[in-house]
Protein backbone atom coordinates (compact mmCIF):
# COMPACT_ATOMS: atom_id res chain seq x y z
CA MET A 1 0.61 125.99 18.35
CA PRO A 2 -2.43 124.09 16.93
CA VAL A 3 -0.95 124.39 13.56
CA THR A 4 2.27 123.00 14.68
CA GLY A 5 0.54 119.97 16.30
CA GLU A 6 -1.32 119.02 13.09
CA ALA A 7 1.92 119.55 11.10
CA GLU A 8 3.69 117.21 13.50
CA HIS A 9 0.89 114.63 13.19
CA SER A 10 0.78 114.67 9.57
CA GLY A 11 4.57 114.46 9.48
CA PHE A 12 4.33 111.38 11.80
CA LEU A 13 1.71 109.70 9.61
CA SER A 14 3.76 110.27 6.37
CA CYS A 15 6.70 108.82 8.26
CA MET A 16 4.82 105.81 9.29
CA THR A 17 3.49 105.30 5.67
CA THR A 18 7.06 105.66 4.44
CA GLN A 19 8.33 103.01 6.99
CA THR A 20 5.51 100.43 6.22
CA LEU A 21 6.04 100.36 2.46
CA PRO A 22 9.58 98.91 2.65
CA SER A 23 8.27 96.02 4.92
CA GLU A 24 5.65 95.00 2.20
CA SER A 25 8.12 94.97 -0.47
CA VAL A 26 10.39 92.95 1.71
CA ALA A 27 7.62 90.42 2.29
CA ALA A 28 6.89 90.25 -1.40
CA THR A 29 10.54 89.67 -2.06
CA ILE A 30 10.93 86.87 0.52
CA ALA A 31 7.71 85.00 -0.38
CA PRO A 32 9.26 83.33 -3.35
CA VAL A 33 12.14 82.14 -1.35
CA SER A 34 9.90 80.33 1.19
CA THR A 35 8.00 78.83 -1.59
CA VAL A 36 11.25 77.35 -3.07
CA ALA A 37 12.21 76.09 0.32
CA THR A 38 8.92 74.20 0.99
CA ALA A 39 9.04 72.60 -2.55
CA THR A 40 12.64 71.03 -2.10
CA PRO A 41 11.69 68.05 0.19
CA GLU A 42 8.92 67.05 -2.36
CA VAL A 43 11.53 67.07 -5.23
CA GLU A 44 14.12 64.89 -3.10
CA GLU A 45 11.15 62.52 -2.29
CA GLN A 46 10.40 62.10 -5.90
CA LYS A 47 14.08 61.35 -6.81
CA ARG A 48 14.39 58.77 -4.01
CA GLU A 49 11.19 57.19 -5.28
CA LYS A 50 12.53 57.18 -8.86
CA LYS A 51 15.66 55.49 -7.48
CA ARG A 52 13.78 52.86 -5.58
CA ASN A 53 11.67 51.98 -8.70
CA LYS A 54 14.88 51.56 -10.84
CA VAL A 55 16.47 49.25 -8.20
CA ARG A 56 13.23 47.22 -7.92
CA SER A 57 12.91 46.93 -11.68
CA ALA A 58 16.55 45.82 -11.88
CA TRP A 59 15.96 43.07 -9.20
CA ILE A 60 12.78 41.94 -10.91
CA SER A 61 14.73 41.74 -14.27
CA PHE A 62 17.51 39.85 -12.77
CA VAL A 63 15.27 37.28 -11.01
CA GLY A 64 13.27 36.79 -14.10
CA ARG A 65 16.53 36.00 -16.18
CA ILE A 66 17.48 33.44 -13.57
CA ILE A 67 14.14 31.79 -13.70
CA ALA A 68 14.00 31.74 -17.41
CA GLN A 69 17.54 30.04 -17.31
CA PHE A 70 16.46 27.36 -14.97
CA VAL A 71 13.27 26.63 -16.77
CA GLY A 72 15.20 26.42 -20.14
CA ALA A 73 17.83 24.04 -18.62
CA SER A 74 15.20 21.84 -17.05
CA ALA A 75 13.40 21.67 -20.27
CA SER A 76 16.55 20.81 -22.15
CA ILE A 77 17.44 17.95 -19.66
CA LEU A 78 13.83 16.49 -19.95
CA LEU A 79 14.15 16.70 -23.75
CA GLY A 80 17.36 14.93 -23.81
CA MET A 81 16.27 12.12 -21.44
CA ALA A 82 13.08 11.63 -23.67
CA LEU A 83 15.19 11.47 -26.90
CA LEU A 84 17.72 9.09 -25.23
CA GLN A 85 15.06 6.77 -24.09
CA LYS A 86 13.47 6.83 -27.58
CA TYR A 87 16.74 6.04 -29.08
CA GLN A 88 17.35 3.06 -26.58
CA THR A 89 13.86 1.76 -27.24
CA ALA A 90 14.15 1.93 -30.88
CA HIS A 91 17.74 0.20 -30.95
CA ALA A 92 17.06 -2.33 -28.17
CA THR A 93 17.62 -5.97 -28.86
CA PRO A 94 14.32 -7.79 -28.63
CA VAL A 95 14.14 -10.35 -25.83
CA GLU A 96 12.88 -13.53 -27.10
CA PRO A 97 10.42 -15.31 -24.95
CA PRO A 98 11.65 -18.70 -23.29
CA PRO A 99 11.03 -21.63 -25.47
CA SER A 100 8.02 -23.60 -24.44
CA ALA A 101 8.66 -27.11 -23.70
CA THR A 102 6.88 -30.01 -25.60
CA PRO A 103 3.70 -31.64 -24.05
CA ALA A 104 5.77 -34.64 -22.92
CA ALA A 105 8.30 -32.35 -21.13
CA GLN A 106 5.56 -30.37 -19.53
CA HIS A 107 4.07 -33.58 -18.11
CA ALA A 108 7.34 -34.77 -16.90
CA ALA A 109 8.02 -31.38 -15.24
CA GLY A 110 4.57 -31.52 -13.62
CA SER A 111 5.34 -34.75 -11.96
CA VAL A 112 8.78 -33.77 -10.69
CA ARG A 113 8.82 -32.35 -7.33
CA GLU A 114 10.22 -28.96 -6.67
CA ARG A 115 12.13 -29.98 -3.83
CA GLY A 116 15.94 -29.55 -4.41
CA LEU A 117 18.14 -32.58 -4.72
CA SER A 118 20.38 -31.53 -2.02
CA ALA A 119 17.56 -31.09 0.58
CA GLN A 120 16.75 -33.77 2.95
CA PRO A 121 13.45 -35.82 2.35
CA SER A 122 11.04 -35.21 4.93
CA LEU A 123 8.50 -38.02 6.16
CA ALA A 124 5.59 -38.11 8.44
CA VAL A 125 4.52 -41.57 9.87
CA LEU A 126 0.84 -41.44 10.44
CA PRO A 127 -0.69 -43.69 13.17
CA LEU A 128 -1.21 -47.25 11.82
CA GLU A 129 -4.85 -48.30 11.96
CA ALA A 130 -6.02 -51.40 13.80
CA PHE A 131 -8.79 -52.99 11.96
CA SER A 132 -10.32 -54.40 15.37
CA THR A 133 -12.07 -53.23 18.30
CA GLU A 134 -9.96 -55.19 20.76
CA PRO A 135 -7.77 -52.89 22.75
CA ALA A 136 -4.79 -55.25 22.44
CA GLN A 137 -4.61 -54.69 18.69
CA LYS A 138 -4.92 -50.86 19.02
CA HIS A 139 -2.06 -50.93 21.47
CA LEU A 140 0.07 -53.03 19.05
CA ALA A 141 -0.72 -50.60 16.34
CA ALA A 142 0.31 -47.70 18.36
CA ALA A 143 3.45 -49.42 19.40
CA MET A 144 4.45 -50.30 15.85
CA THR A 145 3.91 -46.65 14.87
CA GLU A 146 6.19 -45.39 17.71
CA THR A 147 8.85 -47.98 16.75
CA LEU A 148 8.69 -47.08 13.09
CA ILE A 149 9.08 -43.27 13.86
CA THR A 150 11.98 -43.97 16.09
CA ALA A 151 13.91 -46.26 13.52
CA LEU A 152 13.23 -43.94 10.52
CA ALA A 153 14.41 -40.97 12.58
CA GLN A 154 17.81 -42.78 12.82
CA VAL A 155 18.17 -43.04 8.96
CA GLU A 156 20.82 -40.56 7.89
CA GLY A 157 19.63 -37.85 5.63
CA MET A 158 16.07 -38.18 6.34
CA ARG A 159 13.98 -35.72 8.47
CA VAL A 160 11.06 -37.35 10.30
CA ILE A 161 8.08 -35.57 11.97
CA SER A 162 7.74 -36.27 15.79
CA ARG A 163 5.29 -38.73 17.04
CA THR A 164 3.29 -36.08 18.78
CA SER A 165 2.55 -34.14 15.64
CA SER A 166 1.74 -37.32 13.74
CA MET A 167 -0.62 -38.59 16.33
CA THR A 168 -2.78 -35.60 16.08
CA TYR A 169 -4.14 -37.06 12.58
CA GLN A 170 -5.25 -40.36 14.19
CA GLY A 171 -8.74 -41.07 13.07
CA VAL A 172 -8.87 -37.79 11.08
CA PRO A 173 -10.45 -38.10 7.65
CA LYS A 174 -8.42 -35.59 5.88
CA PRO A 175 -6.68 -35.88 2.38
CA LEU A 176 -2.83 -36.53 2.49
CA PRO A 177 -1.88 -33.62 0.49
CA ASP A 178 -3.48 -31.43 3.14
CA ILE A 179 -1.74 -33.21 5.85
CA GLY A 180 1.51 -32.84 4.07
CA ARG A 181 1.06 -29.23 3.69
CA GLU A 182 0.19 -28.75 7.37
CA LEU A 183 3.30 -30.78 8.54
CA GLY A 184 5.57 -29.54 5.74
CA VAL A 185 6.69 -32.83 4.58
CA ASP A 186 7.33 -34.43 1.20
CA LEU A 187 6.36 -38.12 2.01
CA ILE A 188 3.76 -39.75 4.21
CA LEU A 189 3.96 -43.29 5.59
CA GLU A 190 0.53 -44.93 6.39
CA GLY A 191 -0.58 -48.41 6.98
CA SER A 192 -2.45 -50.89 9.29
CA VAL A 193 -2.11 -53.74 11.65
CA VAL A 194 -4.17 -56.82 11.67
CA ARG A 195 -3.99 -59.92 13.92
CA ALA A 196 -5.54 -63.25 13.52
CA GLY A 197 -4.59 -65.56 16.31
CA ASP A 198 -0.78 -65.77 16.66
CA ARG A 199 -0.23 -64.28 13.14
CA VAL A 200 -0.02 -60.47 12.44
CA ARG A 201 -0.01 -58.64 9.24
CA VAL A 202 1.47 -55.13 8.79
CA THR A 203 0.83 -53.06 5.62
CA ALA A 204 2.86 -50.11 4.80
CA GLN A 205 2.43 -47.50 2.08
CA LEU A 206 4.69 -44.64 1.24
CA ILE A 207 2.57 -41.73 -0.37
CA ASP A 208 3.93 -38.65 -2.20
CA ALA A 209 2.50 -35.80 -0.12
CA GLN A 210 2.05 -33.49 -3.14
CA THR A 211 0.73 -35.75 -5.89
CA ASP A 212 -0.99 -38.19 -3.51
CA GLU A 213 0.52 -41.11 -5.49
CA HIS A 214 1.79 -44.43 -4.17
CA ILE A 215 5.54 -44.64 -4.32
CA TRP A 216 6.10 -47.89 -2.54
CA ALA A 217 3.64 -50.34 -0.61
CA ARG A 218 4.14 -53.86 0.84
CA SER A 219 2.47 -56.21 3.51
CA TYR A 220 4.49 -58.27 6.01
CA GLY A 221 3.10 -61.27 7.87
CA ARG A 222 4.61 -63.57 10.38
CA PRO A 223 3.77 -65.19 13.74
CA ALA A 224 3.84 -62.85 16.78
CA ARG A 225 4.18 -64.84 19.85
CA ASP A 226 6.93 -62.56 21.18
CA THR A 227 5.44 -58.99 20.44
CA LEU A 228 8.71 -57.10 21.01
CA ALA A 229 10.80 -59.33 18.81
CA PHE A 230 7.98 -59.13 16.11
CA GLN A 231 7.99 -55.37 16.25
CA ASP A 232 11.88 -55.24 15.95
CA ALA A 233 11.87 -57.69 13.04
CA ILE A 234 9.10 -55.90 11.08
CA THR A 235 10.46 -52.47 11.70
CA ALA A 236 13.90 -53.41 10.46
CA VAL A 237 12.48 -54.92 7.22
CA ILE A 238 10.28 -51.85 6.66
CA VAL A 239 13.08 -49.42 7.02
CA ARG A 240 15.32 -51.39 4.82
CA ASP A 241 12.73 -51.57 1.98
CA LEU A 242 11.65 -48.02 2.59
CA THR A 243 15.14 -46.64 2.21
CA ILE A 244 15.69 -48.54 -0.90
CA ALA A 245 12.42 -47.21 -2.47
CA MET A 246 13.24 -43.68 -1.70
CA LYS A 247 16.73 -43.93 -3.33
CA LEU A 248 15.03 -45.48 -6.33
CA ARG A 249 12.78 -42.50 -6.22
CA GLU A 250 15.58 -40.01 -6.03
CA ARG A 251 17.09 -41.75 -9.19
CA GLN A 252 13.81 -41.44 -11.07
CA LEU A 253 13.58 -37.62 -10.11
CA LEU A 254 17.13 -37.26 -11.53
CA THR A 255 16.05 -38.87 -14.76
CA ARG A 256 13.06 -36.97 -15.01
CA ARG A 257 14.74 -33.74 -14.44
CA GLY A 258 17.33 -34.76 -17.28
CA GLU A 259 14.40 -35.57 -19.74
CA VAL A 260 12.89 -32.05 -18.86
CA SER A 261 16.20 -30.20 -19.36
CA GLY A 262 16.81 -32.13 -22.62
CA ALA A 263 13.39 -31.41 -24.04
CA ARG A 264 13.71 -27.78 -23.25
CA TYR A 265 17.10 -27.67 -25.07
CA ASP A 266 15.71 -29.49 -28.24
CA ALA A 267 12.74 -27.07 -28.14
CA SER A 268 15.10 -23.98 -28.03
CA ALA A 269 17.44 -25.40 -30.61
CA GLY A 270 14.59 -25.95 -32.94
CA GLN A 271 13.41 -22.39 -33.08
């Protein structure tokens, strides 16, 4: 019986040994399969990465070509514009400077006013001075000034500054060109009133507000027993003579402009 137990035990061990061997060989056979299975995702990832790199390279190459074409086209346009400008500059007709007028024409042009001929002449009547301390003579000078402004304002084609604006320059020692610029006028009428007994003398002077030159001047004296009648009579004579002087001045301006134009034409024709 003991012999039989040992035999059975040894047989059992040999059977277990025999059964374990196939499992080890199976494990050895399966091991490479599991290794291959774990390596497959890495290979797929590498393939996808290579594909992405190819796509990226293709896009970079495409964008690079587009930029190169754009830069090339811009450079061609700029070069063409530069060549065209150079050609136009080389073949452009030289512009001759305007002919300079002779000294006589320049002097005439300097004396001619820049005011257009179609524009209305503008006039400011400054307060007449009363060379006396007597209030009656000052009142007479102020009345004569207002009468002159009213009468000249009714002359057709003449613009006269208001009495209020003119009276602000009473007793103000200021050059007439400055007053003319401030009032915006071409001409200035100034003068004085002197009374001796029953006789009154009125002096009137028409001044070019730009050049400060006398255009016309005259004195009027007569008895003044009736002050209102005297004012009306003197004002009518002054307005008449002043209108004639201004028309004569306009003719002189036309003549001077014609001389300037003729001198410029002669100077250009002689070149």
